[in-house]
Amino acid sequence: MENRMSVKTFNGQFLPRRTSIREKEKPTRTKHYLEFLVHYDAELVQADGPIRVIKCKTGADLPLENKGKLQMVKALLDEFATVDATNEAIGNYRASHS
């Protein structure tokens, strides 16, 4: 028996490759942070100083380590640019995943 490889020709055009569902969803770097803030019903607040992460109902600060909080806030602000836009994204995530 011969080992032959058959090659199909097709007018010089490549067929588009099917994309999987995961490729269609736009992955965000901050999805886990949004899930975390929605779970604890928290938002970002800035008033005359550093940005704080507070619970919406009580207004109390979430007990987070400084390094972790800074990393989370930096990533959120890198993606959403402002505190208000970040809080809007948290609200949108809360509405779409409730």
N, C-alpha and C. Protein backbone atom coordinates (compact mmCIF):
# COMPACT_ATOMS: atom_id res chain seq x y z
N MET A 1 0.83 -1.18 0.00
CA MET A 1 0.00 0.00 0.00
C MET A 1 0.88 1.24 0.00
N GLU A 2 0.41 2.23 -0.68
CA GLU A 2 1.14 3.47 -0.74
C GLU A 2 0.58 4.46 0.27
N ASN A 3 1.45 5.23 0.83
CA ASN A 3 1.01 6.31 1.70
C ASN A 3 0.89 7.56 0.86
N ARG A 4 -0.30 7.95 0.56
CA ARG A 4 -0.53 9.16 -0.22
C ARG A 4 -1.28 10.17 0.64
N MET A 5 -0.90 11.37 0.45
CA MET A 5 -1.63 12.45 1.11
C MET A 5 -2.38 13.19 0.02
N SER A 6 -3.64 13.27 0.17
CA SER A 6 -4.42 13.98 -0.84
C SER A 6 -4.62 15.42 -0.40
N VAL A 7 -4.49 16.29 -1.33
CA VAL A 7 -4.66 17.71 -1.06
C VAL A 7 -5.82 18.21 -1.89
N LYS A 8 -6.75 18.86 -1.24
CA LYS A 8 -7.88 19.43 -1.95
C LYS A 8 -7.58 20.87 -2.30
N THR A 9 -7.87 21.23 -3.51
CA THR A 9 -7.71 22.62 -3.90
C THR A 9 -9.08 23.29 -3.91
N PHE A 10 -9.08 24.56 -3.65
CA PHE A 10 -10.36 25.26 -3.56
C PHE A 10 -10.21 26.71 -3.96
N ASN A 11 -10.03 26.97 -5.16
CA ASN A 11 -10.03 28.30 -5.77
C ASN A 11 -9.18 29.34 -5.02
N GLY A 12 -8.18 28.94 -4.30
CA GLY A 12 -7.28 29.88 -3.67
C GLY A 12 -7.84 30.63 -2.47
N GLN A 13 -8.99 30.27 -1.99
CA GLN A 13 -9.57 30.95 -0.83
C GLN A 13 -9.56 30.01 0.36
N PHE A 14 -9.19 30.54 1.49
CA PHE A 14 -9.22 29.74 2.70
C PHE A 14 -10.59 29.86 3.34
N LEU A 15 -11.06 28.77 3.84
CA LEU A 15 -12.35 28.77 4.53
C LEU A 15 -12.16 29.35 5.92
N PRO A 16 -13.12 30.14 6.38
CA PRO A 16 -12.97 30.70 7.73
C PRO A 16 -13.04 29.59 8.78
N ARG A 17 -12.20 29.72 9.75
CA ARG A 17 -12.15 28.75 10.83
C ARG A 17 -13.27 29.04 11.82
N ARG A 18 -13.92 27.99 12.26
CA ARG A 18 -14.99 28.18 13.25
C ARG A 18 -14.38 28.57 14.57
N THR A 19 -15.00 29.52 15.22
CA THR A 19 -14.50 29.95 16.53
C THR A 19 -15.30 29.25 17.61
N SER A 20 -14.64 28.98 18.69
CA SER A 20 -15.32 28.35 19.80
C SER A 20 -16.05 29.41 20.61
N ILE A 21 -16.86 28.98 21.52
CA ILE A 21 -17.64 29.90 22.35
C ILE A 21 -16.69 30.75 23.21
N ARG A 22 -15.63 30.16 23.70
CA ARG A 22 -14.70 30.89 24.56
C ARG A 22 -14.01 32.02 23.81
N GLU A 23 -13.78 31.86 22.51
CA GLU A 23 -13.15 32.92 21.75
C GLU A 23 -14.12 34.07 21.50
N LYS A 24 -15.41 33.78 21.48
CA LYS A 24 -16.40 34.83 21.23
C LYS A 24 -16.59 35.73 22.44
N GLU A 25 -16.47 35.17 23.64
CA GLU A 25 -16.59 35.97 24.85
C GLU A 25 -15.33 36.80 25.02
N LYS A 26 -15.51 38.04 25.36
CA LYS A 26 -14.35 38.89 25.60
C LYS A 26 -13.88 38.67 27.04
N PRO A 27 -12.75 38.04 27.19
CA PRO A 27 -12.28 37.81 28.56
C PRO A 27 -11.76 39.11 29.17
N THR A 28 -12.10 39.35 30.40
CA THR A 28 -11.59 40.53 31.08
C THR A 28 -10.61 40.09 32.16
N ARG A 29 -9.62 40.92 32.38
CA ARG A 29 -8.64 40.60 33.42
C ARG A 29 -9.27 40.73 34.80
N THR A 30 -10.34 41.48 34.90
CA THR A 30 -10.88 41.82 36.20
C THR A 30 -12.16 41.06 36.55
N LYS A 31 -12.46 40.01 35.82
CA LYS A 31 -13.70 39.27 36.07
C LYS A 31 -13.77 38.75 37.51
N HIS A 32 -12.67 38.22 38.01
CA HIS A 32 -12.67 37.68 39.37
C HIS A 32 -12.85 38.78 40.41
N TYR A 33 -12.27 39.94 40.14
CA TYR A 33 -12.45 41.06 41.07
C TYR A 33 -13.90 41.53 41.07
N LEU A 34 -14.52 41.57 39.89
CA LEU A 34 -15.93 41.96 39.82
C LEU A 34 -16.80 40.96 40.56
N GLU A 35 -16.52 39.66 40.38
CA GLU A 35 -17.27 38.63 41.11
C GLU A 35 -17.11 38.80 42.62
N PHE A 36 -15.90 39.09 43.05
CA PHE A 36 -15.61 39.28 44.47
C PHE A 36 -16.40 40.47 45.02
N LEU A 37 -16.37 41.59 44.32
CA LEU A 37 -17.06 42.79 44.80
C LEU A 37 -18.58 42.61 44.77
N VAL A 38 -19.11 41.92 43.78
CA VAL A 38 -20.54 41.65 43.74
C VAL A 38 -20.94 40.72 44.87
N HIS A 39 -20.12 39.71 45.13
CA HIS A 39 -20.42 38.76 46.21
C HIS A 39 -20.53 39.47 47.56
N TYR A 40 -19.63 40.40 47.83
CA TYR A 40 -19.64 41.12 49.09
C TYR A 40 -20.45 42.42 49.03
N ASP A 41 -21.15 42.65 47.93
CA ASP A 41 -21.96 43.86 47.74
C ASP A 41 -21.13 45.10 48.08
N ALA A 42 -20.00 45.23 47.39
CA ALA A 42 -19.05 46.31 47.67
C ALA A 42 -18.86 47.18 46.44
N GLU A 43 -18.32 48.37 46.68
CA GLU A 43 -17.99 49.29 45.60
C GLU A 43 -16.78 50.12 46.01
N LEU A 44 -16.24 50.86 45.06
CA LEU A 44 -15.09 51.71 45.33
C LEU A 44 -15.56 53.12 45.66
N VAL A 45 -14.88 53.75 46.61
CA VAL A 45 -15.19 55.12 47.00
C VAL A 45 -13.87 55.87 47.18
N GLN A 46 -13.83 57.07 46.62
CA GLN A 46 -12.65 57.92 46.83
C GLN A 46 -13.11 59.27 47.33
N ALA A 47 -12.62 59.63 48.51
CA ALA A 47 -12.95 60.93 49.09
C ALA A 47 -11.70 61.48 49.78
N ASP A 48 -11.09 62.45 49.15
CA ASP A 48 -9.92 63.13 49.73
C ASP A 48 -8.83 62.18 50.18
N GLY A 49 -8.44 61.26 49.34
CA GLY A 49 -7.35 60.36 49.70
C GLY A 49 -7.40 59.08 48.92
N PRO A 50 -6.96 58.00 49.57
CA PRO A 50 -6.91 56.72 48.85
C PRO A 50 -8.30 56.17 48.55
N ILE A 51 -8.35 55.30 47.58
CA ILE A 51 -9.61 54.65 47.20
C ILE A 51 -9.89 53.56 48.22
N ARG A 52 -11.13 53.56 48.70
CA ARG A 52 -11.55 52.56 49.68
C ARG A 52 -12.52 51.60 49.04
N VAL A 53 -12.55 50.37 49.55
CA VAL A 53 -13.51 49.37 49.12
C VAL A 53 -14.49 49.20 50.27
N ILE A 54 -15.74 49.61 50.04
CA ILE A 54 -16.73 49.60 51.13
C ILE A 54 -17.93 48.74 50.75
N LYS A 55 -18.63 48.26 51.77
CA LYS A 55 -19.89 47.55 51.56
C LYS A 55 -20.97 48.59 51.27
N CYS A 56 -21.83 48.28 50.32
CA CYS A 56 -22.85 49.25 49.91
C CYS A 56 -23.86 49.54 51.01
N LYS A 57 -24.32 48.52 51.71
CA LYS A 57 -25.40 48.71 52.70
C LYS A 57 -24.92 49.36 53.99
N THR A 58 -23.74 48.96 54.46
CA THR A 58 -23.29 49.47 55.76
C THR A 58 -22.30 50.62 55.65
N GLY A 59 -21.61 50.72 54.56
CA GLY A 59 -20.60 51.76 54.40
C GLY A 59 -19.30 51.45 55.10
N ALA A 60 -19.18 50.23 55.61
CA ALA A 60 -17.95 49.82 56.31
C ALA A 60 -16.92 49.34 55.30
N ASP A 61 -15.64 49.58 55.62
CA ASP A 61 -14.56 49.10 54.76
C ASP A 61 -14.51 47.58 54.77
N LEU A 62 -14.23 47.00 53.62
CA LEU A 62 -14.00 45.56 53.54
C LEU A 62 -12.62 45.29 54.14
N PRO A 63 -12.50 44.29 55.00
CA PRO A 63 -11.19 44.00 55.62
C PRO A 63 -10.29 43.27 54.62
N LEU A 64 -9.50 44.03 53.88
CA LEU A 64 -8.59 43.48 52.89
C LEU A 64 -7.16 43.85 53.23
N GLU A 65 -6.22 43.00 52.84
CA GLU A 65 -4.82 43.34 52.99
C GLU A 65 -4.49 44.47 52.02
N ASN A 66 -3.60 45.36 52.42
CA ASN A 66 -3.27 46.51 51.59
C ASN A 66 -2.73 46.11 50.23
N LYS A 67 -1.84 45.12 50.19
CA LYS A 67 -1.24 44.71 48.92
C LYS A 67 -2.31 44.17 47.97
N GLY A 68 -3.20 43.33 48.46
CA GLY A 68 -4.27 42.77 47.63
C GLY A 68 -5.25 43.83 47.17
N LYS A 69 -5.58 44.75 48.08
CA LYS A 69 -6.49 45.83 47.72
C LYS A 69 -5.88 46.73 46.65
N LEU A 70 -4.61 47.07 46.81
CA LEU A 70 -3.94 47.91 45.81
C LEU A 70 -3.88 47.22 44.45
N GLN A 71 -3.61 45.93 44.46
CA GLN A 71 -3.56 45.18 43.20
C GLN A 71 -4.92 45.15 42.53
N MET A 72 -5.98 44.92 43.31
CA MET A 72 -7.33 44.89 42.76
C MET A 72 -7.73 46.25 42.22
N VAL A 73 -7.52 47.29 42.99
CA VAL A 73 -7.91 48.64 42.57
C VAL A 73 -7.13 49.07 41.33
N LYS A 74 -5.84 48.75 41.29
CA LYS A 74 -5.02 49.11 40.13
C LYS A 74 -5.53 48.41 38.87
N ALA A 75 -5.83 47.11 38.97
CA ALA A 75 -6.33 46.37 37.81
C ALA A 75 -7.68 46.91 37.34
N LEU A 76 -8.56 47.22 38.30
CA LEU A 76 -9.88 47.76 37.95
C LEU A 76 -9.76 49.13 37.28
N LEU A 77 -8.90 49.98 37.82
CA LEU A 77 -8.74 51.31 37.24
C LEU A 77 -8.01 51.26 35.90
N ASP A 78 -7.12 50.30 35.72
CA ASP A 78 -6.47 50.13 34.42
C ASP A 78 -7.49 49.76 33.34
N GLU A 79 -8.47 48.95 33.72
CA GLU A 79 -9.46 48.52 32.74
C GLU A 79 -10.59 49.52 32.55
N PHE A 80 -11.07 50.12 33.64
CA PHE A 80 -12.25 50.98 33.56
C PHE A 80 -11.95 52.47 33.69
N ALA A 81 -10.74 52.85 34.01
CA ALA A 81 -10.23 54.23 34.01
C ALA A 81 -10.67 55.09 35.19
N THR A 82 -11.90 55.04 35.64
CA THR A 82 -12.34 55.88 36.75
C THR A 82 -13.09 55.05 37.79
N VAL A 83 -13.23 55.64 38.97
CA VAL A 83 -13.97 54.97 40.05
C VAL A 83 -15.43 54.83 39.66
N ASP A 84 -16.01 55.87 39.07
CA ASP A 84 -17.42 55.80 38.66
C ASP A 84 -17.66 54.74 37.60
N ALA A 85 -16.77 54.65 36.63
CA ALA A 85 -16.90 53.62 35.58
C ALA A 85 -16.74 52.22 36.17
N THR A 86 -15.86 52.09 37.16
CA THR A 86 -15.68 50.80 37.82
C THR A 86 -16.94 50.41 38.58
N ASN A 87 -17.53 51.36 39.31
CA ASN A 87 -18.77 51.07 40.03
C ASN A 87 -19.91 50.74 39.07
N GLU A 88 -19.93 51.39 37.92
CA GLU A 88 -20.94 51.07 36.90
C GLU A 88 -20.73 49.65 36.37
N ALA A 89 -19.48 49.25 36.17
CA ALA A 89 -19.18 47.89 35.71
C ALA A 89 -19.58 46.86 36.77
N ILE A 90 -19.38 47.20 38.03
CA ILE A 90 -19.80 46.30 39.11
C ILE A 90 -21.32 46.14 39.09
N GLY A 91 -22.04 47.25 38.92
CA GLY A 91 -23.50 47.20 38.83
C GLY A 91 -23.98 46.40 37.63
N ASN A 92 -23.33 46.57 36.49
CA ASN A 92 -23.69 45.81 35.29
C ASN A 92 -23.43 44.32 35.49
N TYR A 93 -22.31 43.99 36.11
CA TYR A 93 -21.99 42.59 36.38
C TYR A 93 -23.00 41.99 37.35
N ARG A 94 -23.39 42.76 38.36
CA ARG A 94 -24.37 42.31 39.34
C ARG A 94 -25.71 42.03 38.65
N ALA A 95 -26.12 42.93 37.74
CA ALA A 95 -27.40 42.78 37.06
C ALA A 95 -27.39 41.59 36.09
N SER A 96 -26.26 41.35 35.44
CA SER A 96 -26.21 40.27 34.45
C SER A 96 -25.97 38.90 35.05
N HIS A 97 -25.53 38.84 36.30
CA HIS A 97 -25.24 37.55 36.92
C HIS A 97 -26.06 37.31 38.19
N SER A 98 -27.21 37.90 38.27
CA SER A 98 -28.03 37.67 39.47
C SER A 98 -29.05 36.60 39.28
